[in-house]
Amino acid sequence: MNQAWSETGDRYILKLFRDFIFHSIGFEGEPIVDMAHIIQCLNKFDAGSHDKICLTSRDEQNVIIVSYSELHQAFDRAFTELMNYGTTGTS
């Protein structure tokens, strides 16, 4: 499997979304665990909401505005790609 697989296209925005949900940090760099935020984001993702969010890379060099609906579609494409790779052995 390619090590840079998660650094391109749909998979990159999914990686940023994961960080947005589970790796929030406060003003002083402390980790923040907000269960309401996590549940709200996952519910909107599951429903394919058209609400938009701002995703930022950890180094703050990349900023992407995307809807939960677009994230859900990206997830479906990435999952299908993984399933196809698993059955055929090629990408």
N, C-alpha and C. Protein backbone atom coordinates (compact mmCIF):
# COMPACT_ATOMS: atom_id res chain seq x y z
N MET A 1 0.85 -1.18 0.00
CA MET A 1 0.00 0.00 0.00
C MET A 1 0.89 1.24 0.00
N ASN A 2 0.51 2.23 -0.74
CA ASN A 2 1.24 3.47 -0.87
C ASN A 2 1.16 4.28 0.45
N GLN A 3 2.31 4.67 1.00
CA GLN A 3 2.34 5.41 2.26
C GLN A 3 1.70 6.79 2.14
N ALA A 4 1.72 7.40 0.94
CA ALA A 4 1.16 8.74 0.73
C ALA A 4 -0.31 8.68 0.33
N TRP A 5 -0.94 7.52 0.47
CA TRP A 5 -2.32 7.32 0.04
C TRP A 5 -3.26 8.34 0.66
N SER A 6 -3.06 8.68 1.92
CA SER A 6 -3.98 9.59 2.61
C SER A 6 -3.63 11.06 2.39
N GLU A 7 -2.66 11.35 1.58
CA GLU A 7 -2.21 12.73 1.40
C GLU A 7 -2.71 13.37 0.11
N THR A 8 -3.63 12.72 -0.61
CA THR A 8 -4.10 13.26 -1.88
C THR A 8 -5.60 13.16 -2.00
N GLY A 9 -6.17 14.07 -2.76
CA GLY A 9 -7.58 14.02 -3.15
C GLY A 9 -8.57 13.87 -2.01
N ASP A 10 -9.55 13.00 -2.25
CA ASP A 10 -10.61 12.76 -1.27
C ASP A 10 -10.07 12.34 0.08
N ARG A 11 -9.04 11.54 0.07
CA ARG A 11 -8.51 11.00 1.32
C ARG A 11 -7.89 12.11 2.18
N TYR A 12 -7.34 13.13 1.54
CA TYR A 12 -6.74 14.23 2.30
C TYR A 12 -7.81 15.01 3.05
N ILE A 13 -8.94 15.31 2.39
CA ILE A 13 -9.98 16.05 3.11
C ILE A 13 -10.59 15.20 4.21
N LEU A 14 -10.63 13.88 4.02
CA LEU A 14 -11.11 13.01 5.09
C LEU A 14 -10.15 13.01 6.28
N LYS A 15 -8.87 13.08 5.98
CA LYS A 15 -7.87 13.15 7.05
C LYS A 15 -8.03 14.47 7.82
N LEU A 16 -8.24 15.57 7.11
CA LEU A 16 -8.46 16.86 7.77
C LEU A 16 -9.74 16.83 8.59
N PHE A 17 -10.78 16.16 8.08
CA PHE A 17 -12.04 16.04 8.80
C PHE A 17 -11.85 15.25 10.09
N ARG A 18 -11.08 14.18 10.02
CA ARG A 18 -10.77 13.40 11.24
C ARG A 18 -10.10 14.29 12.28
N ASP A 19 -9.13 15.08 11.83
CA ASP A 19 -8.45 15.99 12.76
C ASP A 19 -9.43 17.02 13.32
N PHE A 20 -10.34 17.53 12.48
CA PHE A 20 -11.33 18.51 12.91
C PHE A 20 -12.22 17.95 14.02
N ILE A 21 -12.58 16.68 13.89
CA ILE A 21 -13.47 16.06 14.88
C ILE A 21 -12.72 15.65 16.14
N PHE A 22 -11.65 14.90 15.98
CA PHE A 22 -11.02 14.21 17.12
C PHE A 22 -9.74 14.84 17.65
N HIS A 23 -9.17 15.81 16.96
CA HIS A 23 -7.88 16.37 17.39
C HIS A 23 -7.93 17.88 17.55
N SER A 24 -9.02 18.38 18.13
CA SER A 24 -9.14 19.82 18.36
C SER A 24 -8.16 20.25 19.46
N ILE A 25 -7.64 21.48 19.31
CA ILE A 25 -6.73 22.01 20.33
C ILE A 25 -7.19 23.40 20.73
N GLY A 26 -6.88 23.78 21.95
CA GLY A 26 -7.24 25.09 22.47
C GLY A 26 -6.21 26.15 22.10
N PHE A 27 -6.40 27.35 22.63
CA PHE A 27 -5.51 28.47 22.32
C PHE A 27 -4.08 28.24 22.80
N GLU A 28 -3.92 27.48 23.85
CA GLU A 28 -2.58 27.24 24.39
C GLU A 28 -2.04 25.88 23.98
N GLY A 29 -2.67 25.25 22.99
CA GLY A 29 -2.20 23.97 22.48
C GLY A 29 -2.69 22.75 23.24
N GLU A 30 -3.57 22.96 24.21
CA GLU A 30 -4.09 21.83 24.99
C GLU A 30 -5.16 21.10 24.17
N PRO A 31 -5.22 19.78 24.30
CA PRO A 31 -6.25 19.02 23.57
C PRO A 31 -7.64 19.30 24.13
N ILE A 32 -8.62 19.33 23.24
CA ILE A 32 -10.01 19.56 23.63
C ILE A 32 -10.83 18.34 23.20
N VAL A 33 -11.54 17.76 24.15
CA VAL A 33 -12.45 16.66 23.85
C VAL A 33 -13.86 17.15 24.16
N ASP A 34 -14.61 17.40 23.11
CA ASP A 34 -15.98 17.91 23.24
C ASP A 34 -16.92 16.90 22.59
N MET A 35 -17.56 16.08 23.42
CA MET A 35 -18.43 15.02 22.89
C MET A 35 -19.58 15.59 22.07
N ALA A 36 -20.11 16.75 22.45
CA ALA A 36 -21.20 17.36 21.68
C ALA A 36 -20.72 17.70 20.27
N HIS A 37 -19.50 18.23 20.15
CA HIS A 37 -18.91 18.56 18.84
C HIS A 37 -18.74 17.29 18.01
N ILE A 38 -18.22 16.24 18.62
CA ILE A 38 -17.99 14.98 17.91
C ILE A 38 -19.30 14.40 17.39
N ILE A 39 -20.30 14.33 18.25
CA ILE A 39 -21.59 13.75 17.86
C ILE A 39 -22.28 14.60 16.81
N GLN A 40 -22.25 15.91 16.97
CA GLN A 40 -22.87 16.80 15.99
C GLN A 40 -22.22 16.64 14.62
N CYS A 41 -20.90 16.60 14.57
CA CYS A 41 -20.19 16.45 13.30
C CYS A 41 -20.50 15.11 12.64
N LEU A 42 -20.48 14.05 13.43
CA LEU A 42 -20.75 12.73 12.86
C LEU A 42 -22.19 12.61 12.39
N ASN A 43 -23.14 13.21 13.10
CA ASN A 43 -24.53 13.20 12.65
C ASN A 43 -24.70 13.95 11.34
N LYS A 44 -24.08 15.12 11.22
CA LYS A 44 -24.17 15.89 9.99
C LYS A 44 -23.50 15.15 8.84
N PHE A 45 -22.38 14.51 9.13
CA PHE A 45 -21.68 13.71 8.12
C PHE A 45 -22.55 12.56 7.64
N ASP A 46 -23.14 11.84 8.57
CA ASP A 46 -23.98 10.70 8.24
C ASP A 46 -25.21 11.12 7.43
N ALA A 47 -25.78 12.27 7.76
CA ALA A 47 -26.97 12.76 7.06
C ALA A 47 -26.63 13.43 5.73
N GLY A 48 -25.35 13.73 5.51
CA GLY A 48 -24.95 14.41 4.28
C GLY A 48 -25.42 15.86 4.24
N SER A 49 -25.34 16.53 5.38
CA SER A 49 -25.78 17.91 5.51
C SER A 49 -25.04 18.82 4.52
N HIS A 50 -25.73 19.88 4.08
CA HIS A 50 -25.10 20.85 3.19
C HIS A 50 -24.40 21.96 3.96
N ASP A 51 -24.37 21.87 5.29
CA ASP A 51 -23.62 22.83 6.10
C ASP A 51 -22.14 22.73 5.73
N LYS A 52 -21.47 23.86 5.71
CA LYS A 52 -20.05 23.89 5.35
C LYS A 52 -19.19 24.08 6.60
N ILE A 53 -18.00 23.49 6.54
CA ILE A 53 -17.03 23.66 7.61
C ILE A 53 -15.68 24.02 7.00
N CYS A 54 -14.84 24.60 7.83
CA CYS A 54 -13.50 24.99 7.40
C CYS A 54 -12.50 23.99 7.99
N LEU A 55 -11.81 23.28 7.12
CA LEU A 55 -10.81 22.30 7.56
C LEU A 55 -9.43 22.89 7.35
N THR A 56 -8.58 22.77 8.36
CA THR A 56 -7.24 23.33 8.31
C THR A 56 -6.22 22.25 8.62
N SER A 57 -5.14 22.22 7.86
CA SER A 57 -4.08 21.24 8.13
C SER A 57 -3.40 21.58 9.45
N ARG A 58 -2.70 20.61 10.01
CA ARG A 58 -2.04 20.82 11.30
C ARG A 58 -1.00 21.93 11.25
N ASP A 59 -0.34 22.10 10.10
CA ASP A 59 0.65 23.17 9.98
C ASP A 59 0.03 24.49 9.53
N GLU A 60 -1.29 24.50 9.39
CA GLU A 60 -2.08 25.68 9.02
C GLU A 60 -1.71 26.25 7.65
N GLN A 61 -1.11 25.43 6.79
CA GLN A 61 -0.75 25.87 5.45
C GLN A 61 -1.85 25.60 4.43
N ASN A 62 -2.77 24.68 4.74
CA ASN A 62 -3.87 24.34 3.84
C ASN A 62 -5.19 24.57 4.54
N VAL A 63 -6.08 25.28 3.87
CA VAL A 63 -7.42 25.55 4.39
C VAL A 63 -8.41 25.18 3.29
N ILE A 64 -9.39 24.34 3.64
CA ILE A 64 -10.39 23.88 2.68
C ILE A 64 -11.77 24.07 3.29
N ILE A 65 -12.67 24.68 2.52
CA ILE A 65 -14.07 24.80 2.95
C ILE A 65 -14.86 23.75 2.18
N VAL A 66 -15.55 22.91 2.93
CA VAL A 66 -16.24 21.76 2.33
C VAL A 66 -17.53 21.50 3.10
N SER A 67 -18.52 20.93 2.42
CA SER A 67 -19.77 20.58 3.09
C SER A 67 -19.69 19.14 3.61
N TYR A 68 -20.54 18.84 4.56
CA TYR A 68 -20.60 17.47 5.08
C TYR A 68 -21.02 16.52 3.97
N SER A 69 -21.86 17.00 3.06
CA SER A 69 -22.30 16.20 1.92
C SER A 69 -21.11 15.82 1.03
N GLU A 70 -20.23 16.78 0.77
CA GLU A 70 -19.04 16.51 -0.03
C GLU A 70 -18.11 15.54 0.69
N LEU A 71 -18.01 15.68 2.01
CA LEU A 71 -17.20 14.76 2.80
C LEU A 71 -17.76 13.34 2.73
N HIS A 72 -19.08 13.24 2.81
CA HIS A 72 -19.73 11.93 2.74
C HIS A 72 -19.48 11.27 1.38
N GLN A 73 -19.56 12.05 0.31
CA GLN A 73 -19.28 11.53 -1.03
C GLN A 73 -17.82 11.10 -1.15
N ALA A 74 -16.91 11.89 -0.59
CA ALA A 74 -15.49 11.53 -0.62
C ALA A 74 -15.24 10.24 0.15
N PHE A 75 -15.94 10.08 1.27
CA PHE A 75 -15.82 8.85 2.05
C PHE A 75 -16.29 7.65 1.24
N ASP A 76 -17.43 7.79 0.58
CA ASP A 76 -17.95 6.69 -0.25
C ASP A 76 -16.96 6.31 -1.35
N ARG A 77 -16.37 7.31 -2.01
CA ARG A 77 -15.40 7.03 -3.08
C ARG A 77 -14.16 6.34 -2.53
N ALA A 78 -13.64 6.83 -1.40
CA ALA A 78 -12.44 6.22 -0.81
C ALA A 78 -12.72 4.80 -0.34
N PHE A 79 -13.89 4.58 0.25
CA PHE A 79 -14.25 3.24 0.71
C PHE A 79 -14.39 2.28 -0.46
N THR A 80 -15.04 2.74 -1.54
CA THR A 80 -15.18 1.91 -2.75
C THR A 80 -13.82 1.58 -3.33
N GLU A 81 -12.92 2.56 -3.34
CA GLU A 81 -11.57 2.33 -3.84
C GLU A 81 -10.85 1.25 -3.01
N LEU A 82 -10.99 1.33 -1.69
CA LEU A 82 -10.37 0.32 -0.83
C LEU A 82 -10.97 -1.07 -1.06
N MET A 83 -12.28 -1.11 -1.22
CA MET A 83 -12.95 -2.39 -1.46
C MET A 83 -12.52 -2.99 -2.80
N ASN A 84 -12.40 -2.15 -3.81
CA ASN A 84 -11.95 -2.63 -5.13
C ASN A 84 -10.51 -3.13 -5.05
N TYR A 85 -9.68 -2.42 -4.30
CA TYR A 85 -8.29 -2.85 -4.14
C TYR A 85 -8.22 -4.20 -3.43
N GLY A 86 -9.09 -4.38 -2.45
CA GLY A 86 -9.12 -5.63 -1.70
C GLY A 86 -9.54 -6.82 -2.54
N THR A 87 -10.42 -6.62 -3.50
CA THR A 87 -10.91 -7.74 -4.31
C THR A 87 -10.02 -7.99 -5.52
N THR A 88 -9.40 -6.95 -6.06
CA THR A 88 -8.58 -7.12 -7.27
C THR A 88 -7.09 -7.18 -6.97
N GLY A 89 -6.69 -6.58 -5.85
CA GLY A 89 -5.27 -6.55 -5.50
C GLY A 89 -4.52 -5.45 -6.21
N THR A 90 -5.22 -4.60 -6.97
CA THR A 90 -4.59 -3.47 -7.66
C THR A 90 -5.38 -2.22 -7.38
N SER A 91 -4.74 -1.07 -7.58
CA SER A 91 -5.45 0.19 -7.34
C SER A 91 -6.00 0.76 -8.60
